[in-house]
PDB file of N, CA and C in Angstrom:
ATOM      1  N   MET A   1       1.055  -1.007   0.117  1.00  0.00           N
ATOM      2  CA  MET A   1       0.127   0.027  -0.021  1.00  0.00           C
ATOM      3  C   MET A   1       1.009   1.189  -0.019  1.00  0.00           C
ATOM      4  N   ALA A   2       0.228   2.064  -1.036  1.00  0.00           N
ATOM      5  CA  ALA A   2       1.446   3.366  -0.546  1.00  0.00           C
ATOM      6  C   ALA A   2       1.156   4.351   0.251  1.00  0.00           C
ATOM      7  N   ILE A   3       2.261   5.059   0.875  1.00  0.00           N
ATOM      8  CA  ILE A   3       1.846   5.915   1.867  1.00  0.00           C
ATOM      9  C   ILE A   3       1.725   7.388   1.608  1.00  0.00           C
ATOM     10  N   ASP A   4       1.483   8.288   2.311  1.00  0.00           N
ATOM     11  CA  ASP A   4       1.039   9.577   1.888  1.00  0.00           C
ATOM     12  C   ASP A   4       2.668  10.095   2.110  1.00  0.00           C
ATOM     13  N   LEU A   5       3.508  10.391   1.194  1.00  0.00           N
ATOM     14  CA  LEU A   5       5.160  11.066   1.160  1.00  0.00           C
ATOM     15  C   LEU A   5       4.972  12.180   1.996  1.00  0.00           C
ATOM     16  N   PHE A   6       4.224  13.302   1.888  1.00  0.00           N
ATOM     17  CA  PHE A   6       3.972  14.565   2.393  1.00  0.00           C
ATOM     18  C   PHE A   6       4.285  14.059   3.877  1.00  0.00           C
ATOM     19  N   GLN A   7       3.111  13.615   4.400  1.00  0.00           N
ATOM     20  CA  GLN A   7       2.899  13.194   6.029  1.00  0.00           C
ATOM     21  C   GLN A   7       4.286  12.455   6.243  1.00  0.00           C
ATOM     22  N   MET A   8       4.567  11.544   5.584  1.00  0.00           N
ATOM     23  CA  MET A   8       5.643  10.716   6.033  1.00  0.00           C
ATOM     24  C   MET A   8       7.158  11.583   6.083  1.00  0.00           C
ATOM     25  N   PHE A   9       7.126  12.687   5.207  1.00  0.00           N
ATOM     26  CA  PHE A   9       8.564  13.515   5.308  1.00  0.00           C
ATOM     27  C   PHE A   9       8.105  14.386   6.590  1.00  0.00           C
ATOM     28  N   GLU A  10       6.926  14.933   6.789  1.00  0.00           N
ATOM     29  CA  GLU A  10       6.612  16.035   7.550  1.00  0.00           C
ATOM     30  C   GLU A  10       6.843  15.324   8.930  1.00  0.00           C
ATOM     31  N   LYS A  11       6.670  14.187   9.180  1.00  0.00           N
ATOM     32  CA  LYS A  11       6.525  13.138  10.521  1.00  0.00           C
ATOM     33  C   LYS A  11       8.031  13.362  11.151  1.00  0.00           C
ATOM     34  N   PHE A  12       9.142  13.400   9.893  1.00  0.00           N
ATOM     35  CA  PHE A  12      10.517  13.065  10.564  1.00  0.00           C
ATOM     36  C   PHE A  12      11.265  14.617  10.196  1.00  0.00           C
ATOM     37  N   GLN A  13      10.934  15.919  10.378  1.00  0.00           N
ATOM     38  CA  GLN A  13      11.563  17.079   9.772  1.00  0.00           C
ATOM     39  C   GLN A  13      12.286  17.277  11.086  1.00  0.00           C
ATOM     40  N   ASP A  14      12.335  16.808  12.222  1.00  0.00           N
ATOM     41  CA  ASP A  14      13.232  17.196  13.416  1.00  0.00           C
ATOM     42  C   ASP A  14      14.392  16.433  12.654  1.00  0.00           C
ATOM     43  N   GLU A  15      14.459  15.412  12.131  1.00  0.00           N
ATOM     44  CA  GLU A  15      15.824  14.773  11.384  1.00  0.00           C
ATOM     45  C   GLU A  15      16.420  15.834  10.348  1.00  0.00           C
ATOM     46  N   PHE A  16      15.709  16.552   9.769  1.00  0.00           N
ATOM     47  CA  PHE A  16      16.199  17.433   8.803  1.00  0.00           C
ATOM     48  C   PHE A  16      18.019  17.649   8.811  1.00  0.00           C
ATOM     49  N   LEU A  17      18.732  17.349   8.126  1.00  0.00           N
ATOM     50  CA  LEU A  17      20.303  17.737   7.494  1.00  0.00           C
ATOM     51  C   LEU A  17      20.819  17.119   8.955  1.00  0.00           C
ATOM     52  N   LYS A  18      20.390  16.232   9.211  1.00  0.00           N
ATOM     53  CA  LYS A  18      21.156  15.540  10.472  1.00  0.00           C
ATOM     54  C   LYS A  18      21.660  14.249  10.226  1.00  0.00           C
ATOM     55  N   PHE A  19      22.897  14.569   9.088  1.00  0.00           N
ATOM     56  CA  PHE A  19      23.169  13.481   8.228  1.00  0.00           C
ATOM     57  C   PHE A  19      24.450  12.521   9.048  1.00  0.00           C
ATOM     58  N   ASP A  20      24.556  13.255  10.262  1.00  0.00           N
ATOM     59  CA  ASP A  20      25.470  12.739  11.236  1.00  0.00           C
ATOM     60  C   ASP A  20      24.819  11.369  11.909  1.00  0.00           C
ATOM     61  N   ARG A  21      23.607  11.220  11.608  1.00  0.00           N
ATOM     62  CA  ARG A  21      22.824  10.260  12.144  1.00  0.00           C
ATOM     63  C   ARG A  21      23.021   9.017  11.427  1.00  0.00           C
ATOM     64  N   VAL A  22      23.072   9.190   9.799  1.00  0.00           N
ATOM     65  CA  VAL A  22      23.261   7.935   9.254  1.00  0.00           C
ATOM     66  C   VAL A  22      23.980   7.224   9.537  1.00  0.00           C
ATOM     67  N   THR A  23      23.649   6.083   9.932  1.00  0.00           N
ATOM     68  CA  THR A  23      24.971   4.771  10.092  1.00  0.00           C
ATOM     69  C   THR A  23      25.563   4.572   9.225  1.00  0.00           C
ATOM     70  N   TYR A  24      25.053   3.809   7.686  1.00  0.00           N
ATOM     71  CA  TYR A  24      25.461   3.402   7.007  1.00  0.00           C
ATOM     72  C   TYR A  24      25.572   4.356   5.795  1.00  0.00           C
ATOM     73  N   LYS A  25      26.790   4.755   5.786  1.00  0.00           N
ATOM     74  CA  LYS A  25      26.313   6.255   4.319  1.00  0.00           C
ATOM     75  C   LYS A  25      26.942   5.524   3.153  1.00  0.00           C
ATOM     76  N   LEU A  26      26.120   5.837   2.147  1.00  0.00           N
ATOM     77  CA  LEU A  26      26.682   5.498   0.881  1.00  0.00           C
ATOM     78  C   LEU A  26      27.775   6.630  -0.053  1.00  0.00           C
ATOM     79  N   SER A  27      27.817   7.569   0.756  1.00  0.00           N
ATOM     80  CA  SER A  27      28.750   8.588   0.237  1.00  0.00           C
ATOM     81  C   SER A  27      29.069   9.254   1.413  1.00  0.00           C
ATOM     82  N   SER A  28      30.072  10.019   1.679  1.00  0.00           N
ATOM     83  CA  SER A  28      30.612  11.136   2.689  1.00  0.00           C
ATOM     84  C   SER A  28      29.786  12.278   2.620  1.00  0.00           C
ATOM     85  N   ARG A  29      28.770  12.749   1.249  1.00  0.00           N
ATOM     86  CA  ARG A  29      28.300  13.624   1.130  1.00  0.00           C
ATOM     87  C   ARG A  29      26.957  13.584   1.111  1.00  0.00           C
ATOM     88  N   PRO A  30      26.220  14.265   1.952  1.00  0.00           N
ATOM     89  CA  PRO A  30      24.917  14.089   1.896  1.00  0.00           C
ATOM     90  C   PRO A  30      23.828  14.062   0.813  1.00  0.00           C
ATOM     91  N   ASP A  31      24.115  14.870  -0.555  1.00  0.00           N
ATOM     92  CA  ASP A  31      23.504  14.960  -1.712  1.00  0.00           C
ATOM     93  C   ASP A  31      23.800  13.686  -2.239  1.00  0.00           C
ATOM     94  N   LEU A  32      24.733  13.247  -2.333  1.00  0.00           N
ATOM     95  CA  LEU A  32      24.967  12.030  -3.246  1.00  0.00           C
ATOM     96  C   LEU A  32      24.536  10.698  -2.360  1.00  0.00           C
ATOM     97  N   HIS A  33      24.588  10.828  -1.079  1.00  0.00           N
ATOM     98  CA  HIS A  33      23.958   9.417  -0.414  1.00  0.00           C
ATOM     99  C   HIS A  33      22.511   9.724  -0.942  1.00  0.00           C
ATOM    100  N   ALA A  34      22.018  10.520  -0.847  1.00  0.00           N
ATOM    101  CA  ALA A  34      20.384  10.809  -1.155  1.00  0.00           C
ATOM    102  C   ALA A  34      20.297  10.387  -2.791  1.00  0.00           C
ATOM    103  N   PHE A  35      21.170  10.659  -3.367  1.00  0.00           N
ATOM    104  CA  PHE A  35      20.781  10.505  -5.090  1.00  0.00           C
ATOM    105  C   PHE A  35      21.007   8.622  -5.170  1.00  0.00           C
ATOM    106  N   ILE A  36      22.198   8.370  -4.656  1.00  0.00           N
ATOM    107  CA  ILE A  36      22.308   6.726  -4.542  1.00  0.00           C
ATOM    108  C   ILE A  36      21.359   6.072  -4.060  1.00  0.00           C
ATOM    109  N   LEU A  37      20.736   6.652  -2.814  1.00  0.00           N
ATOM    110  CA  LEU A  37      19.925   5.661  -2.056  1.00  0.00           C
ATOM    111  C   LEU A  37      18.428   5.862  -3.140  1.00  0.00           C
ATOM    112  N   LEU A  38      18.149   7.013  -3.335  1.00  0.00           N
ATOM    113  CA  LEU A  38      17.069   7.174  -4.287  1.00  0.00           C
ATOM    114  C   LEU A  38      17.082   6.169  -5.904  1.00  0.00           C
ATOM    115  N   ASN A  39      18.647   6.214  -6.141  1.00  0.00           N
ATOM    116  CA  ASN A  39      18.322   5.487  -7.402  1.00  0.00           C
ATOM    117  C   ASN A  39      18.399   3.921  -7.393  1.00  0.00           C
ATOM    118  N   THR A  40      18.614   3.684  -5.658  1.00  0.00           N
ATOM    119  CA  THR A  40      18.606   2.484  -5.500  1.00  0.00           C
ATOM    120  C   THR A  40      17.071   1.700  -5.342  1.00  0.00           C
ATOM    121  N   ILE A  41      16.523   2.669  -4.767  1.00  0.00           N
ATOM    122  CA  ILE A  41      15.225   2.626  -4.768  1.00  0.00           C
ATOM    123  C   ILE A  41      14.326   2.488  -5.869  1.00  0.00           C
ATOM    124  N   GLN A  42      14.641   3.357  -6.784  1.00  0.00           N
ATOM    125  CA  GLN A  42      14.004   3.528  -8.441  1.00  0.00           C
ATOM    126  C   GLN A  42      14.904   3.939  -9.315  1.00  0.00           C
ATOM    127  N   PRO A  43      15.543   2.981  -9.771  1.00  0.00           N
ATOM    128  CA  PRO A  43      16.834   2.680 -10.535  1.00  0.00           C
ATOM    129  C   PRO A  43      16.184   3.447 -11.995  1.00  0.00           C
ATOM    130  N   SER A  44      17.144   4.523 -12.730  1.00  0.00           N
ATOM    131  CA  SER A  44      16.684   5.166 -13.899  1.00  0.00           C
ATOM    132  C   SER A  44      17.977   5.598 -14.434  1.00  0.00           C
ATOM    133  N   GLU A  45      17.897   5.700 -15.630  1.00  0.00           N
ATOM    134  CA  GLU A  45      19.228   6.267 -16.597  1.00  0.00           C
ATOM    135  C   GLU A  45      19.013   7.838 -16.729  1.00  0.00           C
ATOM    136  N   ASP A  46      18.125   8.022 -16.119  1.00  0.00           N
ATOM    137  CA  ASP A  46      17.848   9.666 -16.589  1.00  0.00           C
ATOM    138  C   ASP A  46      18.513  10.558 -15.567  1.00  0.00           C
ATOM    139  N   GLU A  47      18.734  11.798 -15.873  1.00  0.00           N
ATOM    140  CA  GLU A  47      19.232  12.721 -14.806  1.00  0.00           C
ATOM    141  C   GLU A  47      18.636  12.703 -13.476  1.00  0.00           C
ATOM    142  N   MET A  48      19.063  12.783 -12.407  1.00  0.00           N
ATOM    143  CA  MET A  48      18.338  12.928 -10.979  1.00  0.00           C
ATOM    144  C   MET A  48      17.741  14.449 -10.574  1.00  0.00           C
ATOM    145  N   ILE A  49      18.318  15.423 -11.334  1.00  0.00           N
ATOM    146  CA  ILE A  49      18.001  16.621 -11.014  1.00  0.00           C
ATOM    147  C   ILE A  49      16.760  17.048 -12.440  1.00  0.00           C
ATOM    148  N   ALA A  50      15.700  17.278 -11.853  1.00  0.00           N
ATOM    149  CA  ALA A  50      14.779  17.341 -13.046  1.00  0.00           C
ATOM    150  C   ALA A  50      14.670  19.092 -13.146  1.00  0.00           C
ATOM    151  N   ASP A  51      14.442  19.702 -12.214  1.00  0.00           N
ATOM    152  CA  ASP A  51      14.665  21.270 -12.376  1.00  0.00           C
ATOM    153  C   ASP A  51      15.307  21.756 -11.031  1.00  0.00           C
ATOM    154  N   ALA A  52      15.577  23.214 -11.800  1.00  0.00           N
ATOM    155  CA  ALA A  52      16.254  23.740 -10.291  1.00  0.00           C
ATOM    156  C   ALA A  52      16.008  25.243 -10.918  1.00  0.00           C
ATOM    157  N   ALA A  53      16.016  26.120  -9.388  1.00  0.00           N
ATOM    158  CA  ALA A  53      15.289  27.735  -9.612  1.00  0.00           C
ATOM    159  C   ALA A  53      15.983  28.172  -8.091  1.00  0.00           C
ATOM    160  N   GLU A  54      16.638  29.068  -8.119  1.00  0.00           N
ATOM    161  CA  GLU A  54      16.971  29.810  -7.122  1.00  0.00           C
ATOM    162  C   GLU A  54      17.781  29.138  -6.133  1.00  0.00           C
ATOM    163  N   ASN A  55      17.336  28.518  -4.724  1.00  0.00           N
ATOM    164  CA  ASN A  55      17.770  27.778  -4.208  1.00  0.00           C
ATOM    165  C   ASN A  55      17.457  26.498  -4.045  1.00  0.00           C
ATOM    166  N   TYR A  56      16.460  26.382  -4.886  1.00  0.00           N
ATOM    167  CA  TYR A  56      16.005  24.653  -4.930  1.00  0.00           C
ATOM    168  C   TYR A  56      16.394  23.856  -6.082  1.00  0.00           C
ATOM    169  N   ILE A  57      16.386  22.680  -5.971  1.00  0.00           N
ATOM    170  CA  ILE A  57      16.507  21.569  -6.809  1.00  0.00           C
ATOM    171  C   ILE A  57      15.371  20.641  -6.790  1.00  0.00           C
ATOM    172  N   TRP A  58      14.653  20.227  -7.730  1.00  0.00           N
ATOM    173  CA  TRP A  58      13.581  19.484  -8.023  1.00  0.00           C
ATOM    174  C   TRP A  58      13.866  18.052  -8.128  1.00  0.00           C
ATOM    175  N   LEU A  59      13.956  16.708  -7.670  1.00  0.00           N
ATOM    176  CA  LEU A  59      14.309  15.545  -8.468  1.00  0.00           C
ATOM    177  C   LEU A  59      13.679  14.849  -8.894  1.00  0.00           C
ATOM    178  N   ASP A  60      13.977  14.116  -9.995  1.00  0.00           N
ATOM    179  CA  ASP A  60      13.618  13.333 -11.191  1.00  0.00           C
ATOM    180  C   ASP A  60      12.952  12.149 -10.790  1.00  0.00           C
ATOM    181  N   ILE A  61      11.826  11.763  -9.757  1.00  0.00           N
ATOM    182  CA  ILE A  61      11.828  10.610  -9.110  1.00  0.00           C
ATOM    183  C   ILE A  61       9.915  10.580  -9.220  1.00  0.00           C
ATOM    184  N   ASP A  62       9.732   9.456  -9.522  1.00  0.00           N
ATOM    185  CA  ASP A  62       8.107   9.292  -9.568  1.00  0.00           C
ATOM    186  C   ASP A  62       7.526   8.867  -7.937  1.00  0.00           C
ATOM    187  N   CYS A  63       7.192   9.778  -7.816  1.00  0.00           N
ATOM    188  CA  CYS A  63       6.651   9.896  -6.238  1.00  0.00           C
ATOM    189  C   CYS A  63       5.489   8.996  -5.942  1.00  0.00           C
ATOM    190  N   ARG A  64       4.576   8.696  -7.022  1.00  0.00           N
ATOM    191  CA  ARG A  64       3.710   7.789  -6.857  1.00  0.00           C
ATOM    192  C   ARG A  64       4.065   6.253  -6.860  1.00  0.00           C
ATOM    193  N   ALA A  65       5.060   6.059  -7.631  1.00  0.00           N
ATOM    194  CA  ALA A  65       5.952   4.692  -7.382  1.00  0.00           C
ATOM    195  C   ALA A  65       6.744   4.781  -6.100  1.00  0.00           C
ATOM    196  N   LEU A  66       7.341   5.674  -5.992  1.00  0.00           N
ATOM    197  CA  LEU A  66       8.364   5.654  -4.721  1.00  0.00           C
ATOM    198  C   LEU A  66       7.245   5.276  -3.465  1.00  0.00           C
ATOM    199  N   ALA A  67       6.484   6.188  -3.476  1.00  0.00           N
ATOM    200  CA  ALA A  67       5.317   5.714  -2.262  1.00  0.00           C
ATOM    201  C   ALA A  67       4.829   4.327  -1.959  1.00  0.00           C
ATOM    202  N   LYS A  68       4.836   3.512  -2.963  1.00  0.00           N
ATOM    203  CA  LYS A  68       4.268   2.072  -2.780  1.00  0.00           C
ATOM    204  C   LYS A  68       5.832   1.198  -2.606  1.00  0.00           C
ATOM    205  N   VAL A  69       6.856   1.685  -2.309  1.00  0.00           N
ATOM    206  CA  VAL A  69       8.127   1.003  -2.070  1.00  0.00           C
ATOM    207  C   VAL A  69       9.151   1.490  -0.986  1.00  0.00           C
ATOM    208  N   ILE A  70       8.776   2.616  -1.029  1.00  0.00           N
ATOM    209  CA  ILE A  70      10.005   3.279   0.336  1.00  0.00           C
ATOM    210  C   ILE A  70       9.445   3.103   1.475  1.00  0.00           C
ATOM    211  N   THR A  71      10.529   2.558   2.514  1.00  0.00           N
ATOM    212  CA  THR A  71      10.116   2.498   3.635  1.00  0.00           C
ATOM    213  C   THR A  71      10.239   3.316   4.568  1.00  0.00           C
ATOM    214  N   GLU A  72      10.057   3.785   5.865  1.00  0.00           N
ATOM    215  CA  GLU A  72       9.966   4.826   6.867  1.00  0.00           C
ATOM    216  C   GLU A  72      11.484   4.989   7.104  1.00  0.00           C
ATOM    217  N   ALA A  73      12.301   3.689   7.285  1.00  0.00           N
ATOM    218  CA  ALA A  73      13.721   4.217   7.305  1.00  0.00           C
ATOM    219  C   ALA A  73      14.409   4.646   6.154  1.00  0.00           C
ATOM    220  N   GLN A  74      14.103   4.503   5.111  1.00  0.00           N
ATOM    221  CA  GLN A  74      14.094   5.324   3.845  1.00  0.00           C
ATOM    222  C   GLN A  74      14.409   6.789   3.868  1.00  0.00           C
ATOM    223  N   VAL A  75      12.961   6.932   4.334  1.00  0.00           N
ATOM    224  CA  VAL A  75      12.168   8.498   4.449  1.00  0.00           C
ATOM    225  C   VAL A  75      13.457   9.295   5.651  1.00  0.00           C
ATOM    226  N   ILE A  76      13.595   8.394   6.695  1.00  0.00           N
ATOM    227  CA  ILE A  76      14.267   9.345   7.419  1.00  0.00           C
ATOM    228  C   ILE A  76      15.771   9.354   6.955  1.00  0.00           C
ATOM    229  N   GLU A  77      16.437   8.732   6.526  1.00  0.00           N
ATOM    230  CA  GLU A  77      17.530   8.823   5.653  1.00  0.00           C
ATOM    231  C   GLU A  77      17.496   9.934   4.552  1.00  0.00           C
ATOM    232  N   LEU A  78      16.595  10.013   3.858  1.00  0.00           N
ATOM    233  CA  LEU A  78      16.383  10.880   2.908  1.00  0.00           C
ATOM    234  C   LEU A  78      16.409  12.304   3.553  1.00  0.00           C
ATOM    235  N   VAL A  79      15.592  12.585   4.466  1.00  0.00           N
ATOM    236  CA  VAL A  79      15.220  13.996   5.509  1.00  0.00           C
ATOM    237  C   VAL A  79      16.817  14.215   5.908  1.00  0.00           C
ATOM    238  N   ARG A  80      17.408  13.045   6.607  1.00  0.00           N
ATOM    239  CA  ARG A  80      18.670  13.391   6.957  1.00  0.00           C
ATOM    240  C   ARG A  80      19.614  13.835   5.990  1.00  0.00           C
ATOM    241  N   CYS A  81      19.380  13.503   4.924  1.00  0.00           N
ATOM    242  CA  CYS A  81      20.339  14.271   3.790  1.00  0.00           C
ATOM    243  C   CYS A  81      19.654  15.541   3.033  1.00  0.00           C
ATOM    244  N   GLY A  82      18.680  15.788   3.628  1.00  0.00           N
ATOM    245  CA  GLY A  82      18.365  17.284   3.168  1.00  0.00           C
ATOM    246  C   GLY A  82      17.104  17.198   2.243  1.00  0.00           C
ATOM    247  N   VAL A  83      16.228  15.987   1.855  1.00  0.00           N
ATOM    248  CA  VAL A  83      15.303  15.950   0.742  1.00  0.00           C
ATOM    249  C   VAL A  83      14.243  16.272   1.700  1.00  0.00           C
ATOM    250  N   PHE A  84      13.298  17.003   0.995  1.00  0.00           N
ATOM    251  CA  PHE A  84      11.836  17.251   1.444  1.00  0.00           C
ATOM    252  C   PHE A  84      10.686  17.154   0.365  1.00  0.00           C
ATOM    253  N   TYR A  85       9.732  16.916   0.973  1.00  0.00           N
ATOM    254  CA  TYR A  85       8.696  16.800  -0.131  1.00  0.00           C
ATOM    255  C   TYR A  85       7.601  17.779  -0.394  1.00  0.00           C
ATOM    256  N   ASP A  86       7.643  18.668  -1.505  1.00  0.00           N
ATOM    257  CA  ASP A  86       7.282  19.797  -2.004  1.00  0.00           C
ATOM    258  C   ASP A  86       5.768  19.436  -2.269  1.00  0.00           C
ATOM    259  N   LYS A  87       5.190  19.569  -1.286  1.00  0.00           N
ATOM    260  CA  LYS A  87       3.691  19.333  -1.702  1.00  0.00           C
ATOM    261  C   LYS A  87       3.094  20.202  -2.747  1.00  0.00           C
ATOM    262  N   ASP A  88       3.568  21.235  -2.940  1.00  0.00           N
ATOM    263  CA  ASP A  88       2.643  22.273  -4.166  1.00  0.00           C
ATOM    264  C   ASP A  88       3.297  21.712  -5.254  1.00  0.00           C
ATOM    265  N   ASP A  89       4.333  21.150  -5.547  1.00  0.00           N
ATOM    266  CA  ASP A  89       4.771  20.526  -6.971  1.00  0.00           C
ATOM    267  C   ASP A  89       4.580  19.027  -6.971  1.00  0.00           C
ATOM    268  N   GLY A  90       4.491  18.353  -5.540  1.00  0.00           N
ATOM    269  CA  GLY A  90       3.981  16.832  -5.690  1.00  0.00           C
ATOM    270  C   GLY A  90       5.623  16.175  -5.937  1.00  0.00           C
ATOM    271  N   ARG A  91       6.691  16.877  -5.617  1.00  0.00           N
ATOM    272  CA  ARG A  91       8.374  16.316  -6.091  1.00  0.00           C
ATOM    273  C   ARG A  91       8.823  16.497  -4.937  1.00  0.00           C
ATOM    274  N   LEU A  92       9.949  15.691  -5.007  1.00  0.00           N
ATOM    275  CA  LEU A  92      11.054  15.373  -3.928  1.00  0.00           C
ATOM    276  C   LEU A  92      11.909  16.755  -4.379  1.00  0.00           C
ATOM    277  N   SER A  93      12.578  17.653  -3.004  1.00  0.00           N
ATOM    278  CA  SER A  93      13.057  18.497  -3.184  1.00  0.00           C
ATOM    279  C   SER A  93      14.535  18.480  -2.164  1.00  0.00           C
ATOM    280  N   MET A  94      15.618  19.618  -2.749  1.00  0.00           N
ATOM    281  CA  MET A  94      16.318  19.724  -1.774  1.00  0.00           C
ATOM    282  C   MET A  94      16.715  21.249  -2.067  1.00  0.00           C
ATOM    283  N   ILE A  95      17.239  21.974  -0.819  1.00  0.00           N
ATOM    284  CA  ILE A  95      17.999  23.274  -0.791  1.00  0.00           C
ATOM    285  C   ILE A  95      19.135  23.131  -1.515  1.00  0.00           C
ATOM    286  N   ALA A  96      19.487  23.983  -2.629  1.00  0.00           N
ATOM    287  CA  ALA A  96      20.813  24.124  -3.356  1.00  0.00           C
ATOM    288  C   ALA A  96      21.823  24.546  -2.266  1.00  0.00           C
TER     289      ALA A  96
END
């Protein structure tokens, strides 16, 4: 069953940018860790960054498909890397 991504990301906002709490790092850089994790969950040959404006980037992730397979632990890792769900656009985003 699909989860509500917005609610799940909001639930763990107190973990935002606390990359030091990630126990198994796929990279020493939070942004790369998030990209690798997302590519593991939802493999693709497309660019990871779909769009950018001012201080934000939006990720090229199918959020409907992601909501069906992502775990709570993976959401926490992404939040710790600085990923959030942009409810207005319905996409995952990061501050650049």
